[in-house]
N, C-alpha and C. Protein backbone atom coordinates (compact mmCIF):
# COMPACT_ATOMS: atom_id res chain seq x y z
N MET A 1 46.87 111.18 36.31
CA MET A 1 47.84 111.68 36.87
C MET A 1 49.07 111.47 35.86
N ASP A 2 50.11 112.01 35.56
CA ASP A 2 51.02 111.79 34.89
C ASP A 2 51.94 110.59 35.37
N ARG A 3 52.58 109.88 34.31
CA ARG A 3 53.67 108.82 35.13
C ARG A 3 54.64 109.49 35.88
N LEU A 4 55.02 108.85 36.85
CA LEU A 4 55.79 109.27 37.70
C LEU A 4 57.51 108.98 37.43
N ILE A 5 57.61 107.99 36.73
CA ILE A 5 58.86 107.47 36.04
C ILE A 5 58.92 106.98 34.89
N GLU A 6 59.62 106.82 33.68
CA GLU A 6 59.65 105.97 32.48
C GLU A 6 59.17 104.55 32.95
N LYS A 7 58.59 104.17 32.01
CA LYS A 7 58.19 102.72 32.34
C LYS A 7 59.26 102.06 32.00
N PRO A 8 59.83 100.97 33.41
CA PRO A 8 61.10 100.34 32.87
C PRO A 8 60.88 98.97 32.34
N LYS A 9 61.96 98.43 31.82
CA LYS A 9 61.95 96.96 31.47
C LYS A 9 62.20 95.83 32.46
N LEU A 10 61.06 95.51 32.73
CA LEU A 10 60.88 94.55 33.92
C LEU A 10 60.88 92.96 33.84
N SER A 11 61.28 91.97 34.22
CA SER A 11 61.13 90.47 34.09
C SER A 11 59.61 90.24 34.46
N LYS A 12 59.06 89.36 33.84
CA LYS A 12 57.95 89.01 34.05
C LYS A 12 57.83 88.66 35.88
N ALA A 13 58.81 87.80 36.20
CA ALA A 13 58.69 87.60 37.69
C ALA A 13 58.48 88.99 38.57
N THR A 14 59.24 90.00 38.08
CA THR A 14 59.42 90.98 39.03
C THR A 14 58.10 91.71 38.66
N THR A 15 57.46 91.83 37.43
CA THR A 15 55.91 92.34 37.30
C THR A 15 55.13 91.96 38.14
N LYS A 16 55.17 90.32 38.27
CA LYS A 16 54.33 89.63 39.03
C LYS A 16 54.01 90.34 40.41
N ARG A 17 55.59 90.29 40.77
CA ARG A 17 55.62 90.65 42.28
C ARG A 17 55.15 91.92 42.51
N LEU A 18 55.59 93.12 41.50
CA LEU A 18 54.80 94.49 41.68
C LEU A 18 53.65 94.36 41.77
N SER A 19 52.52 93.68 41.10
CA SER A 19 51.12 93.78 41.39
C SER A 19 50.94 93.06 42.60
N LEU A 20 51.53 91.89 43.08
CA LEU A 20 51.74 91.49 44.59
C LEU A 20 52.00 92.93 45.54
N TYR A 21 52.92 93.66 45.36
CA TYR A 21 53.30 94.32 46.33
C TYR A 21 52.12 95.86 46.28
N LEU A 22 51.52 95.86 45.10
CA LEU A 22 50.79 97.02 44.84
C LEU A 22 49.26 96.65 45.77
N ARG A 23 48.85 95.25 45.78
CA ARG A 23 47.81 94.97 46.37
C ARG A 23 48.01 95.06 47.93
N CYS A 24 49.14 94.44 48.36
CA CYS A 24 49.56 94.33 49.98
C CYS A 24 49.50 96.11 50.18
N LEU A 25 50.08 96.95 49.29
CA LEU A 25 50.13 98.42 49.73
C LEU A 25 48.67 99.13 50.02
N LYS A 26 47.91 98.82 49.16
CA LYS A 26 46.61 99.29 49.21
C LYS A 26 45.85 99.02 50.42
N GLU A 27 46.17 97.66 50.77
CA GLU A 27 45.43 97.43 52.40
C GLU A 27 46.24 97.83 53.26
N LEU A 28 47.63 98.34 53.16
CA LEU A 28 48.05 98.74 54.29
C LEU A 28 47.69 100.43 54.17
N HIS A 29 47.22 101.17 52.94
CA HIS A 29 46.74 102.29 53.05
C HIS A 29 45.53 102.42 53.63
N LYS A 30 44.34 101.27 53.50
CA LYS A 30 43.31 101.42 53.93
C LYS A 30 43.23 101.50 55.66
N GLU A 31 44.55 100.58 56.35
CA GLU A 31 44.64 100.70 57.61
C GLU A 31 45.08 101.65 58.22
N GLY A 32 45.67 102.90 57.38
CA GLY A 32 46.01 103.85 57.71
C GLY A 32 47.58 103.89 57.90
N VAL A 33 48.53 102.72 57.33
CA VAL A 33 49.96 102.65 57.76
C VAL A 33 50.26 103.86 56.34
N GLN A 34 51.37 104.55 57.10
CA GLN A 34 51.88 105.68 56.12
C GLN A 34 53.12 104.97 55.72
N ARG A 35 54.47 104.53 56.52
CA ARG A 35 55.18 104.05 55.79
C ARG A 35 55.80 102.63 56.57
N ILE A 36 56.53 101.89 55.60
CA ILE A 36 57.11 100.32 56.16
C ILE A 36 58.29 100.44 55.53
N LYS A 37 58.81 99.38 56.32
CA LYS A 37 60.54 99.19 55.92
C LYS A 37 60.32 97.63 55.17
N SER A 38 61.46 97.63 54.54
CA SER A 38 61.36 96.03 53.38
C SER A 38 61.15 95.00 54.46
N SER A 39 61.88 94.86 55.51
CA SER A 39 61.69 93.62 56.49
C SER A 39 60.31 93.25 57.13
N GLU A 40 59.37 94.44 57.15
CA GLU A 40 58.24 94.52 57.60
C GLU A 40 57.38 93.84 56.19
N PHE A 41 57.68 94.31 54.97
CA PHE A 41 56.91 94.36 53.84
C PHE A 41 57.24 92.89 53.79
N SER A 42 58.25 92.40 53.75
CA SER A 42 58.62 90.95 53.67
C SER A 42 57.58 90.08 54.41
N GLN A 43 57.47 90.16 55.55
CA GLN A 43 56.40 89.17 56.20
C GLN A 43 54.96 89.25 55.67
N LEU A 44 54.70 90.46 55.52
CA LEU A 44 53.16 90.72 54.61
C LEU A 44 53.27 90.07 53.48
N THR A 45 54.02 89.78 52.55
CA THR A 45 54.03 89.56 51.15
C THR A 45 54.84 88.22 51.14
N HIS A 46 55.45 87.86 51.93
CA HIS A 46 56.23 86.59 51.91
C HIS A 46 57.27 86.54 50.81
N VAL A 47 57.78 87.55 50.40
CA VAL A 47 58.99 87.81 49.18
C VAL A 47 60.08 88.25 50.45
N GLY A 48 61.03 87.58 50.27
CA GLY A 48 62.24 87.98 50.79
C GLY A 48 62.74 89.47 50.82
N SER A 49 63.13 90.17 51.69
CA SER A 49 63.38 91.42 51.80
C SER A 49 64.66 91.96 50.88
N ALA A 50 65.37 91.26 50.95
CA ALA A 50 66.45 91.45 49.80
C ALA A 50 65.85 91.54 48.10
N THR A 51 64.97 90.66 47.82
CA THR A 51 64.55 90.75 46.75
C THR A 51 63.41 91.71 46.51
N ILE A 52 62.72 92.23 47.77
CA ILE A 52 61.86 93.45 47.67
C ILE A 52 62.73 94.94 47.25
N ARG A 53 64.11 94.65 48.00
CA ARG A 53 65.08 95.88 47.89
C ARG A 53 65.55 96.21 46.41
N ARG A 54 65.81 94.74 45.97
CA ARG A 54 66.05 94.81 44.35
C ARG A 54 65.09 95.02 43.21
N ASP A 55 63.68 94.83 43.50
CA ASP A 55 62.90 95.11 42.84
C ASP A 55 62.59 96.58 42.77
N PHE A 56 62.53 97.08 44.03
CA PHE A 56 62.33 98.62 44.24
C PHE A 56 63.51 99.40 43.59
N SER A 57 64.71 98.93 43.85
CA SER A 57 66.11 99.40 43.06
C SER A 57 65.71 99.92 41.80
N GLN A 58 65.21 99.08 40.87
CA GLN A 58 65.02 98.98 39.72
C GLN A 58 64.19 100.19 39.04
N LEU A 59 63.28 100.71 40.05
CA LEU A 59 62.42 102.19 39.74
C LEU A 59 62.84 103.19 40.25
N GLY A 60 64.02 103.36 40.81
CA GLY A 60 64.70 104.69 41.34
C GLY A 60 64.95 104.48 42.64
N GLU A 61 64.87 106.05 43.06
CA GLU A 61 64.92 106.16 44.72
C GLU A 61 63.76 105.92 45.23
N LEU A 62 63.40 104.97 45.78
CA LEU A 62 61.88 104.76 46.38
C LEU A 62 61.87 105.26 47.89
N GLY A 63 62.80 104.91 48.60
CA GLY A 63 62.71 105.07 50.20
C GLY A 63 64.04 105.58 50.45
N ARG A 64 64.39 105.71 51.84
CA ARG A 64 65.54 106.17 52.75
C ARG A 64 66.01 105.02 53.31
N SER A 65 67.54 104.91 53.75
CA SER A 65 67.89 104.23 54.73
C SER A 65 67.58 104.73 56.04
N GLY A 66 66.91 103.52 56.87
CA GLY A 66 66.36 103.95 58.27
C GLY A 66 65.15 104.52 58.38
N TYR A 67 64.45 104.97 57.41
CA TYR A 67 63.29 105.43 57.28
C TYR A 67 62.07 104.55 56.63
N GLY A 68 62.42 103.87 55.76
CA GLY A 68 61.77 102.97 55.17
C GLY A 68 61.03 103.54 53.63
N TYR A 69 59.58 103.09 53.69
CA TYR A 69 59.12 103.70 52.08
C TYR A 69 57.68 104.15 52.51
N ASP A 70 57.42 105.20 51.76
CA ASP A 70 56.19 105.91 52.08
C ASP A 70 55.22 105.17 51.25
N VAL A 71 54.20 104.44 51.94
CA VAL A 71 53.09 103.66 51.24
C VAL A 71 52.32 104.37 50.28
N SER A 72 51.85 105.46 50.42
CA SER A 72 51.09 106.31 49.26
C SER A 72 52.14 106.76 48.17
N TYR A 73 53.27 107.06 48.32
CA TYR A 73 54.01 107.38 46.97
C TYR A 73 54.40 105.84 46.09
N LEU A 74 54.65 104.80 46.97
CA LEU A 74 54.81 103.79 46.44
C LEU A 74 53.38 103.09 45.62
N ILE A 75 52.53 103.32 46.06
CA ILE A 75 51.15 103.06 45.26
C ILE A 75 51.05 103.96 44.25
N SER A 76 51.34 105.16 44.07
CA SER A 76 51.55 105.98 42.88
C SER A 76 52.31 105.64 41.98
N VAL A 77 53.46 105.33 42.34
CA VAL A 77 54.68 104.80 41.35
C VAL A 77 54.05 103.40 40.83
N PHE A 78 53.64 102.39 41.62
CA PHE A 78 53.42 101.18 41.05
C PHE A 78 52.25 101.15 40.29
N SER A 79 51.24 102.08 40.42
CA SER A 79 50.01 101.91 39.48
C SER A 79 50.36 102.80 38.40
N SER A 80 51.30 103.64 38.32
CA SER A 80 51.75 104.09 37.03
C SER A 80 52.28 103.29 36.41
N ILE A 81 53.33 102.27 36.65
CA ILE A 81 53.68 101.30 36.17
C ILE A 81 52.82 100.43 35.72
N LEU A 82 51.84 100.03 36.30
CA LEU A 82 51.02 98.78 35.97
C LEU A 82 49.86 99.27 35.48
N ASP A 83 49.91 100.63 34.89
CA ASP A 83 48.55 101.16 34.07
C ASP A 83 47.27 100.77 34.78
N THR A 84 47.39 101.25 36.12
CA THR A 84 46.01 101.01 36.92
C THR A 84 45.30 102.43 36.83
N ILE A 85 45.92 103.30 36.54
CA ILE A 85 45.27 104.83 36.76
C ILE A 85 44.24 104.86 35.66
N GLU A 86 44.22 104.21 34.41
CA GLU A 86 43.32 104.56 33.25
C GLU A 86 42.51 103.00 33.39
N GLU A 87 41.35 103.24 33.08
CA GLU A 87 40.48 102.26 32.95
C GLU A 87 40.72 101.21 31.79
N LYS A 88 40.89 99.95 31.90
CA LYS A 88 41.28 99.11 30.86
C LYS A 88 39.80 98.06 30.73
N ARG A 89 39.43 98.21 29.49
CA ARG A 89 38.18 97.45 29.04
C ARG A 89 38.38 96.20 28.60
N ILE A 90 37.78 95.12 29.06
CA ILE A 90 38.48 93.61 28.97
C ILE A 90 37.25 92.95 28.33
N ALA A 91 37.27 92.19 27.45
CA ALA A 91 36.34 91.01 27.00
C ALA A 91 36.73 89.63 27.56
N LEU A 92 35.66 89.00 27.97
CA LEU A 92 35.72 87.57 28.21
C LEU A 92 35.56 86.59 27.10
N ILE A 93 35.85 85.89 26.63
CA ILE A 93 35.96 85.04 25.81
C ILE A 93 35.48 83.37 26.42
N GLY A 94 34.36 82.92 26.49
CA GLY A 94 34.09 81.55 27.26
C GLY A 94 33.22 81.86 28.55
N CYS A 95 32.31 81.44 28.66
CA CYS A 95 31.53 81.85 29.87
C CYS A 95 31.01 80.41 30.66
N GLY A 96 31.93 79.32 30.47
CA GLY A 96 31.72 78.35 31.54
C GLY A 96 31.64 78.56 32.79
N ASN A 97 32.00 77.57 33.83
CA ASN A 97 32.41 77.66 35.02
C ASN A 97 33.31 78.69 35.69
N LEU A 98 34.67 78.56 34.82
CA LEU A 98 35.63 79.57 35.05
C LEU A 98 35.25 80.99 34.69
N GLY A 99 34.86 81.29 33.43
CA GLY A 99 34.47 82.63 32.78
C GLY A 99 33.41 83.34 33.80
N GLN A 100 32.33 82.61 34.24
CA GLN A 100 31.38 83.03 35.02
C GLN A 100 31.63 83.33 36.40
N ALA A 101 32.97 82.73 36.86
CA ALA A 101 33.71 83.31 38.19
C ALA A 101 34.14 84.37 37.94
N LEU A 102 34.99 84.73 36.95
CA LEU A 102 35.47 85.88 36.63
C LEU A 102 34.75 86.79 36.50
N LEU A 103 33.50 86.52 35.80
CA LEU A 103 32.35 87.96 35.54
C LEU A 103 31.94 88.09 37.19
N ASN A 104 31.79 86.90 38.11
CA ASN A 104 31.16 87.52 39.19
C ASN A 104 32.11 88.37 40.17
N ASN A 105 33.55 88.07 39.96
CA ASN A 105 34.34 88.88 40.58
C ASN A 105 34.82 90.10 40.02
N ASN A 106 34.88 89.79 38.79
CA ASN A 106 34.96 91.30 37.95
C ASN A 106 36.32 92.28 38.42
N PHE A 107 37.00 91.74 39.11
CA PHE A 107 38.38 92.71 39.85
C PHE A 107 38.02 93.66 40.76
N ARG A 108 37.08 92.95 41.45
CA ARG A 108 36.82 94.10 42.41
C ARG A 108 37.60 94.94 43.27
N ARG A 109 38.79 94.27 43.26
CA ARG A 109 39.70 95.33 44.21
C ARG A 109 40.52 96.17 43.23
N ASN A 110 40.14 96.08 41.86
CA ASN A 110 40.79 97.27 40.98
C ASN A 110 39.72 97.74 40.25
N GLU A 111 39.37 99.21 40.70
CA GLU A 111 38.15 99.64 39.65
C GLU A 111 38.35 100.05 38.32
N ASN A 112 39.72 100.04 37.88
CA ASN A 112 40.09 100.36 36.77
C ASN A 112 40.46 99.24 35.71
N LEU A 113 40.12 98.06 36.30
CA LEU A 113 40.24 97.02 35.51
C LEU A 113 38.58 96.24 35.55
N ASN A 114 37.96 96.22 34.21
CA ASN A 114 36.65 95.98 33.94
C ASN A 114 36.49 95.08 33.01
N ILE A 115 35.80 93.95 33.54
CA ILE A 115 35.07 92.89 32.13
C ILE A 115 33.73 93.78 31.85
N VAL A 116 33.83 94.19 30.35
CA VAL A 116 32.77 95.18 30.27
C VAL A 116 31.67 94.07 29.33
N CYS A 117 32.11 93.04 28.38
CA CYS A 117 31.23 92.13 27.79
C CYS A 117 31.87 90.69 27.63
N ALA A 118 30.91 89.98 27.42
CA ALA A 118 31.41 88.30 27.07
C ALA A 118 30.93 87.83 26.32
N PHE A 119 31.31 86.48 25.88
CA PHE A 119 31.08 85.99 24.70
C PHE A 119 31.04 84.66 24.50
N ASP A 120 30.09 83.91 24.07
CA ASP A 120 30.11 82.10 24.08
C ASP A 120 29.43 81.83 22.75
N THR A 121 29.55 80.48 22.80
CA THR A 121 28.60 79.89 21.36
C THR A 121 27.68 79.25 21.82
N ASP A 122 27.30 79.01 23.26
CA ASP A 122 26.44 78.03 23.62
C ASP A 122 24.90 79.08 23.90
N ALA A 123 23.99 78.36 23.16
CA ALA A 123 22.78 79.23 22.96
C ALA A 123 22.22 79.78 24.42
N ASP A 124 22.59 78.54 25.45
CA ASP A 124 21.74 78.57 26.52
C ASP A 124 22.30 79.76 27.35
N LYS A 125 23.58 80.34 27.24
CA LYS A 125 24.11 81.03 28.00
C LYS A 125 24.30 82.79 27.40
N ILE A 126 23.84 82.51 25.91
CA ILE A 126 23.75 83.85 25.19
C ILE A 126 22.66 84.56 25.75
N GLY A 127 22.81 85.92 26.10
CA GLY A 127 21.76 86.84 26.56
C GLY A 127 21.69 86.57 28.55
N SER A 128 22.64 85.93 28.76
CA SER A 128 22.50 85.86 30.11
C SER A 128 23.06 87.00 30.67
N VAL A 129 23.10 87.07 31.89
CA VAL A 129 23.71 88.75 32.65
C VAL A 129 24.47 87.92 33.78
N PHE A 130 25.80 88.35 33.70
CA PHE A 130 26.51 87.81 35.26
C PHE A 130 26.95 89.31 35.66
N ASN A 131 26.58 89.71 36.87
CA ASN A 131 27.31 90.69 37.58
C ASN A 131 27.33 91.88 36.53
N ASN A 132 26.23 92.30 35.96
CA ASN A 132 25.65 93.07 35.22
C ASN A 132 26.63 93.12 33.79
N VAL A 133 27.43 92.16 33.62
CA VAL A 133 27.90 91.82 32.21
C VAL A 133 27.02 91.11 31.31
N GLU A 134 26.65 91.26 30.08
CA GLU A 134 25.83 90.53 29.19
C GLU A 134 26.71 89.51 28.35
N VAL A 135 26.39 88.39 28.34
CA VAL A 135 26.80 87.30 27.32
C VAL A 135 26.33 87.43 25.85
N TYR A 136 27.14 87.92 24.82
CA TYR A 136 26.83 87.71 23.57
C TYR A 136 27.00 86.61 22.88
N SER A 137 26.71 86.53 21.76
CA SER A 137 27.20 85.66 20.53
C SER A 137 28.25 85.75 20.16
N MET A 138 29.17 84.72 19.75
CA MET A 138 30.51 85.14 19.02
C MET A 138 30.50 85.62 17.58
N ASP A 139 29.02 85.55 17.21
CA ASP A 139 28.87 86.27 15.96
C ASP A 139 28.57 87.77 16.03
N ARG A 140 28.70 88.40 17.09
CA ARG A 140 28.38 89.93 17.49
C ARG A 140 30.10 90.40 17.89
N LEU A 141 30.87 89.62 17.96
CA LEU A 141 32.17 89.80 18.46
C LEU A 141 32.57 91.25 17.63
N ASP A 142 32.73 91.09 16.47
CA ASP A 142 32.95 92.52 15.93
C ASP A 142 32.60 93.92 16.35
N GLU A 143 30.94 93.81 16.47
CA GLU A 143 30.29 94.99 16.70
C GLU A 143 30.47 95.46 18.04
N ILE A 144 30.59 94.27 19.03
CA ILE A 144 30.61 94.78 20.70
C ILE A 144 31.89 95.12 20.86
N LEU A 145 33.00 94.47 20.60
CA LEU A 145 34.37 95.13 20.90
C LEU A 145 34.59 96.38 20.57
N SER A 146 34.05 96.62 19.23
CA SER A 146 34.23 98.23 18.73
C SER A 146 33.58 99.09 19.58
N LYS A 147 32.13 98.63 19.83
CA LYS A 147 31.33 99.55 20.77
C LYS A 147 31.87 99.75 22.03
N GLU A 148 32.38 98.85 22.50
CA GLU A 148 32.89 98.83 24.13
C GLU A 148 34.46 99.37 24.07
N LYS A 149 34.87 99.44 22.95
CA LYS A 149 36.33 99.91 22.87
C LYS A 149 37.21 98.99 23.68
N VAL A 150 37.26 97.67 23.48
CA VAL A 150 37.80 96.67 24.22
C VAL A 150 39.43 96.61 23.47
N THR A 151 40.52 96.53 24.47
CA THR A 151 41.78 96.32 24.09
C THR A 151 42.55 94.94 24.92
N ILE A 152 41.85 94.68 25.74
CA ILE A 152 42.45 93.65 26.34
C ILE A 152 41.24 92.22 26.13
N ALA A 153 41.85 91.16 25.88
CA ALA A 153 40.39 89.97 26.16
C ALA A 153 41.12 88.73 27.01
N ILE A 154 40.25 88.28 27.73
CA ILE A 154 40.57 86.68 28.84
C ILE A 154 40.15 85.78 27.87
N SER A 155 40.65 84.73 27.74
CA SER A 155 40.12 83.41 26.85
C SER A 155 40.15 82.20 27.89
N THR A 156 39.01 81.72 28.07
CA THR A 156 38.82 80.71 29.04
C THR A 156 38.29 79.50 28.33
N VAL A 157 38.31 79.51 26.96
CA VAL A 157 38.00 78.50 26.11
C VAL A 157 39.12 77.22 25.95
N PRO A 158 38.64 76.13 25.78
CA PRO A 158 39.50 74.89 25.81
C PRO A 158 40.43 75.28 24.59
N SER A 159 41.66 74.32 24.92
CA SER A 159 42.95 74.63 23.96
C SER A 159 42.52 74.35 22.30
N GLN A 160 41.73 73.39 22.13
CA GLN A 160 41.08 73.17 20.72
C GLN A 160 40.70 74.20 19.95
N TYR A 161 40.14 75.28 20.78
CA TYR A 161 39.23 76.30 20.20
C TYR A 161 39.82 77.49 20.60
N SER A 162 41.12 77.62 21.16
CA SER A 162 41.87 78.89 21.93
C SER A 162 42.26 79.89 20.57
N GLN A 163 43.00 78.99 19.49
CA GLN A 163 43.79 79.48 18.42
C GLN A 163 42.59 80.44 17.73
N ALA A 164 41.55 79.79 17.53
CA ALA A 164 40.76 80.56 16.48
C ALA A 164 39.87 81.58 17.47
N ALA A 165 39.58 81.58 18.63
CA ALA A 165 39.16 82.68 19.51
C ALA A 165 39.99 83.97 19.42
N VAL A 166 41.09 83.40 19.79
CA VAL A 166 42.15 84.73 19.83
C VAL A 166 42.37 84.95 18.44
N GLU A 167 42.52 84.59 17.27
CA GLU A 167 42.23 85.31 16.19
C GLU A 167 41.05 86.21 15.71
N ASN A 168 40.14 85.87 16.36
CA ASN A 168 38.84 86.68 16.05
C ASN A 168 39.03 87.95 17.18
N VAL A 169 39.66 87.97 17.99
CA VAL A 169 39.77 89.08 18.94
C VAL A 169 40.91 89.94 18.42
N VAL A 170 42.06 89.11 17.81
CA VAL A 170 43.04 90.46 17.45
C VAL A 170 42.61 91.05 16.14
N LYS A 171 41.78 90.30 15.64
CA LYS A 171 41.34 90.94 14.08
C LYS A 171 40.57 92.47 14.46
N ASN A 172 40.23 92.50 15.79
CA ASN A 172 39.34 93.37 16.13
C ASN A 172 39.92 94.42 17.07
N GLY A 173 41.51 94.53 17.02
CA GLY A 173 42.04 95.66 17.85
C GLY A 173 42.52 95.06 19.11
N VAL A 174 42.22 93.83 19.91
CA VAL A 174 42.90 93.37 21.01
C VAL A 174 44.32 93.36 20.90
N THR A 175 45.08 93.90 21.84
CA THR A 175 46.31 93.61 21.67
C THR A 175 47.11 92.94 22.90
N ALA A 176 46.13 92.32 24.08
CA ALA A 176 46.58 91.80 25.16
C ALA A 176 45.82 90.74 25.40
N ILE A 177 46.13 89.60 25.41
CA ILE A 177 45.43 88.58 25.88
C ILE A 177 45.79 87.84 26.96
N LEU A 178 45.03 87.28 27.95
CA LEU A 178 45.28 86.05 29.04
C LEU A 178 44.55 84.96 28.78
N SER A 179 45.13 83.87 28.41
CA SER A 179 44.74 82.61 28.12
C SER A 179 45.09 81.76 29.18
N PHE A 180 43.69 81.04 29.56
CA PHE A 180 43.73 79.78 30.52
C PHE A 180 43.76 78.52 29.94
N ALA A 181 44.19 78.35 28.57
CA ALA A 181 44.39 77.27 27.96
C ALA A 181 46.32 77.04 27.96
N PRO A 182 46.72 76.42 28.17
CA PRO A 182 48.14 76.08 28.11
C PRO A 182 48.80 76.00 26.95
N ASP A 183 48.20 75.62 25.88
CA ASP A 183 48.95 75.30 24.99
C ASP A 183 49.28 76.65 24.20
N PRO A 184 50.53 76.88 23.52
CA PRO A 184 50.61 78.34 22.82
C PRO A 184 49.92 78.54 21.71
N ILE A 185 49.57 79.95 21.62
CA ILE A 185 48.61 80.58 20.53
C ILE A 185 49.68 81.18 19.66
N LYS A 186 49.29 81.07 18.23
CA LYS A 186 50.13 81.70 17.28
C LYS A 186 49.36 83.26 17.42
N VAL A 187 50.12 84.62 17.19
CA VAL A 187 49.52 85.83 16.98
C VAL A 187 50.63 86.54 16.59
N PRO A 188 50.34 87.64 16.02
CA PRO A 188 50.84 88.40 15.05
C PRO A 188 51.93 89.31 15.96
N GLU A 189 52.97 89.61 15.41
CA GLU A 189 53.86 90.61 16.18
C GLU A 189 53.37 91.73 16.76
N GLY A 190 53.75 92.36 18.10
CA GLY A 190 52.58 93.43 18.46
C GLY A 190 51.85 92.87 19.49
N ILE A 191 51.34 91.45 19.34
CA ILE A 191 50.27 91.03 20.33
C ILE A 191 51.00 90.46 21.64
N THR A 192 50.62 90.46 22.83
CA THR A 192 51.21 90.16 23.94
C THR A 192 50.25 89.10 24.55
N VAL A 193 50.48 87.60 24.69
CA VAL A 193 49.78 86.79 25.38
C VAL A 193 50.22 86.15 26.54
N HIS A 194 49.61 86.18 27.57
CA HIS A 194 50.24 85.57 28.87
C HIS A 194 49.22 84.31 29.07
N TYR A 195 49.86 83.03 29.73
CA TYR A 195 49.02 82.23 29.88
C TYR A 195 49.00 81.70 31.27
N ILE A 196 47.87 81.29 31.72
CA ILE A 196 47.87 80.88 33.06
C ILE A 196 47.18 79.31 33.13
N ASP A 197 48.22 78.53 33.75
CA ASP A 197 48.17 76.64 33.37
C ASP A 197 48.01 76.85 35.07
N LEU A 198 46.83 76.30 35.34
CA LEU A 198 46.44 75.85 36.85
C LEU A 198 47.26 74.82 37.24
N THR A 199 47.41 73.70 36.16
CA THR A 199 48.11 72.33 36.58
C THR A 199 49.54 73.08 37.08
N THR A 200 50.24 73.64 36.34
CA THR A 200 51.87 73.97 36.20
C THR A 200 51.76 74.91 37.51
N GLU A 201 51.01 75.72 37.79
CA GLU A 201 50.81 76.73 39.23
C GLU A 201 50.64 75.62 40.48
N LEU A 202 49.60 74.83 40.29
CA LEU A 202 49.74 73.86 41.45
C LEU A 202 50.92 72.92 41.66
N GLN A 203 51.32 72.45 40.72
CA GLN A 203 52.73 71.64 40.90
C GLN A 203 53.56 72.52 41.35
N THR A 204 54.05 73.79 40.81
CA THR A 204 54.97 74.64 41.81
C THR A 204 54.66 74.59 43.04
N LEU A 205 53.51 75.14 43.30
CA LEU A 205 53.06 75.37 44.91
C LEU A 205 53.44 74.23 45.56
N ILE A 206 53.13 72.94 45.07
CA ILE A 206 53.26 71.77 45.96
C ILE A 206 55.03 71.29 46.17
N TYR A 207 55.79 71.55 45.02
CA TYR A 207 57.07 71.60 45.03
C TYR A 207 57.44 72.43 46.33
N PHE A 208 57.22 73.63 46.32
CA PHE A 208 57.82 74.57 47.53
C PHE A 208 57.32 74.35 48.74
N ASP A 209 56.04 73.78 48.78
CA ASP A 209 55.62 73.38 50.22
C ASP A 209 56.15 71.99 50.51
N GLU A 210 56.68 71.13 49.76
CA GLU A 210 57.24 69.73 50.12
C GLU A 210 58.76 70.23 50.53
N LEU A 211 59.32 71.08 49.70
CA LEU A 211 60.95 71.39 49.91
C LEU A 211 60.91 72.26 51.34
N ALA A 212 59.74 72.96 51.56
CA ALA A 212 59.76 73.60 52.93
C ALA A 212 59.69 72.88 54.17
N GLN A 213 58.67 71.72 53.81
CA GLN A 213 58.24 70.56 54.86
C GLN A 213 59.68 69.59 55.08
N SER A 214 60.35 69.64 54.24
CA SER A 214 61.59 68.67 54.32
C SER A 214 62.77 69.59 55.11
N ARG A 215 62.52 70.85 54.88
CA ARG A 215 63.70 71.75 55.70
C ARG A 215 62.96 71.80 57.14
N ARG A 216 61.64 71.66 57.19
CA ARG A 216 61.48 71.77 58.68
C ARG A 216 61.73 70.39 59.54
N GLY A 217 61.47 69.46 58.57
CA GLY A 217 61.62 67.81 59.24
C GLY A 217 63.18 67.66 59.61
């Protein structure tokens, strides 16, 4: 499918919401829902209707006043923007408990996001297979990344090893990295790194929960 619109420049927060919107829209589509209004979508996504309308307005004329939004059309637009139409082949670096959980899930809700190979330095894990994905030695990184045509990597290795791990995958053509280590990683220009810090996410969640509870009280 051709892109429906030129890829817009969106903030990180807006892009995260688009991913949430897309997931919810796909669920609506499975349930046979053909159109939805921003107020209804707000209840489903827990995002304010004004924020939804503002996000949507950045992408062109997606709906009509009084009619709402066509669910199938929104799925097409958001899929195009988020690059979920073409398969994205992903390498996982680090196969501890978190890495194994990611392998066993392997983006089952999105058939175009696929972890196709995994790597570890632990001899007990090398050669293991999780959800049809084999774990290789880091010594075979060059060979396997090239063979599998990987451009994205997920790193679950601890902070003290993350810099070296990322440098290795960048050398082999990876241009996008999701790191579960909170410490910043130095990468060349043109390489995109996003960080997931579970402690920060949990602290943020607790803050908003306590704020909501105080308002109810």
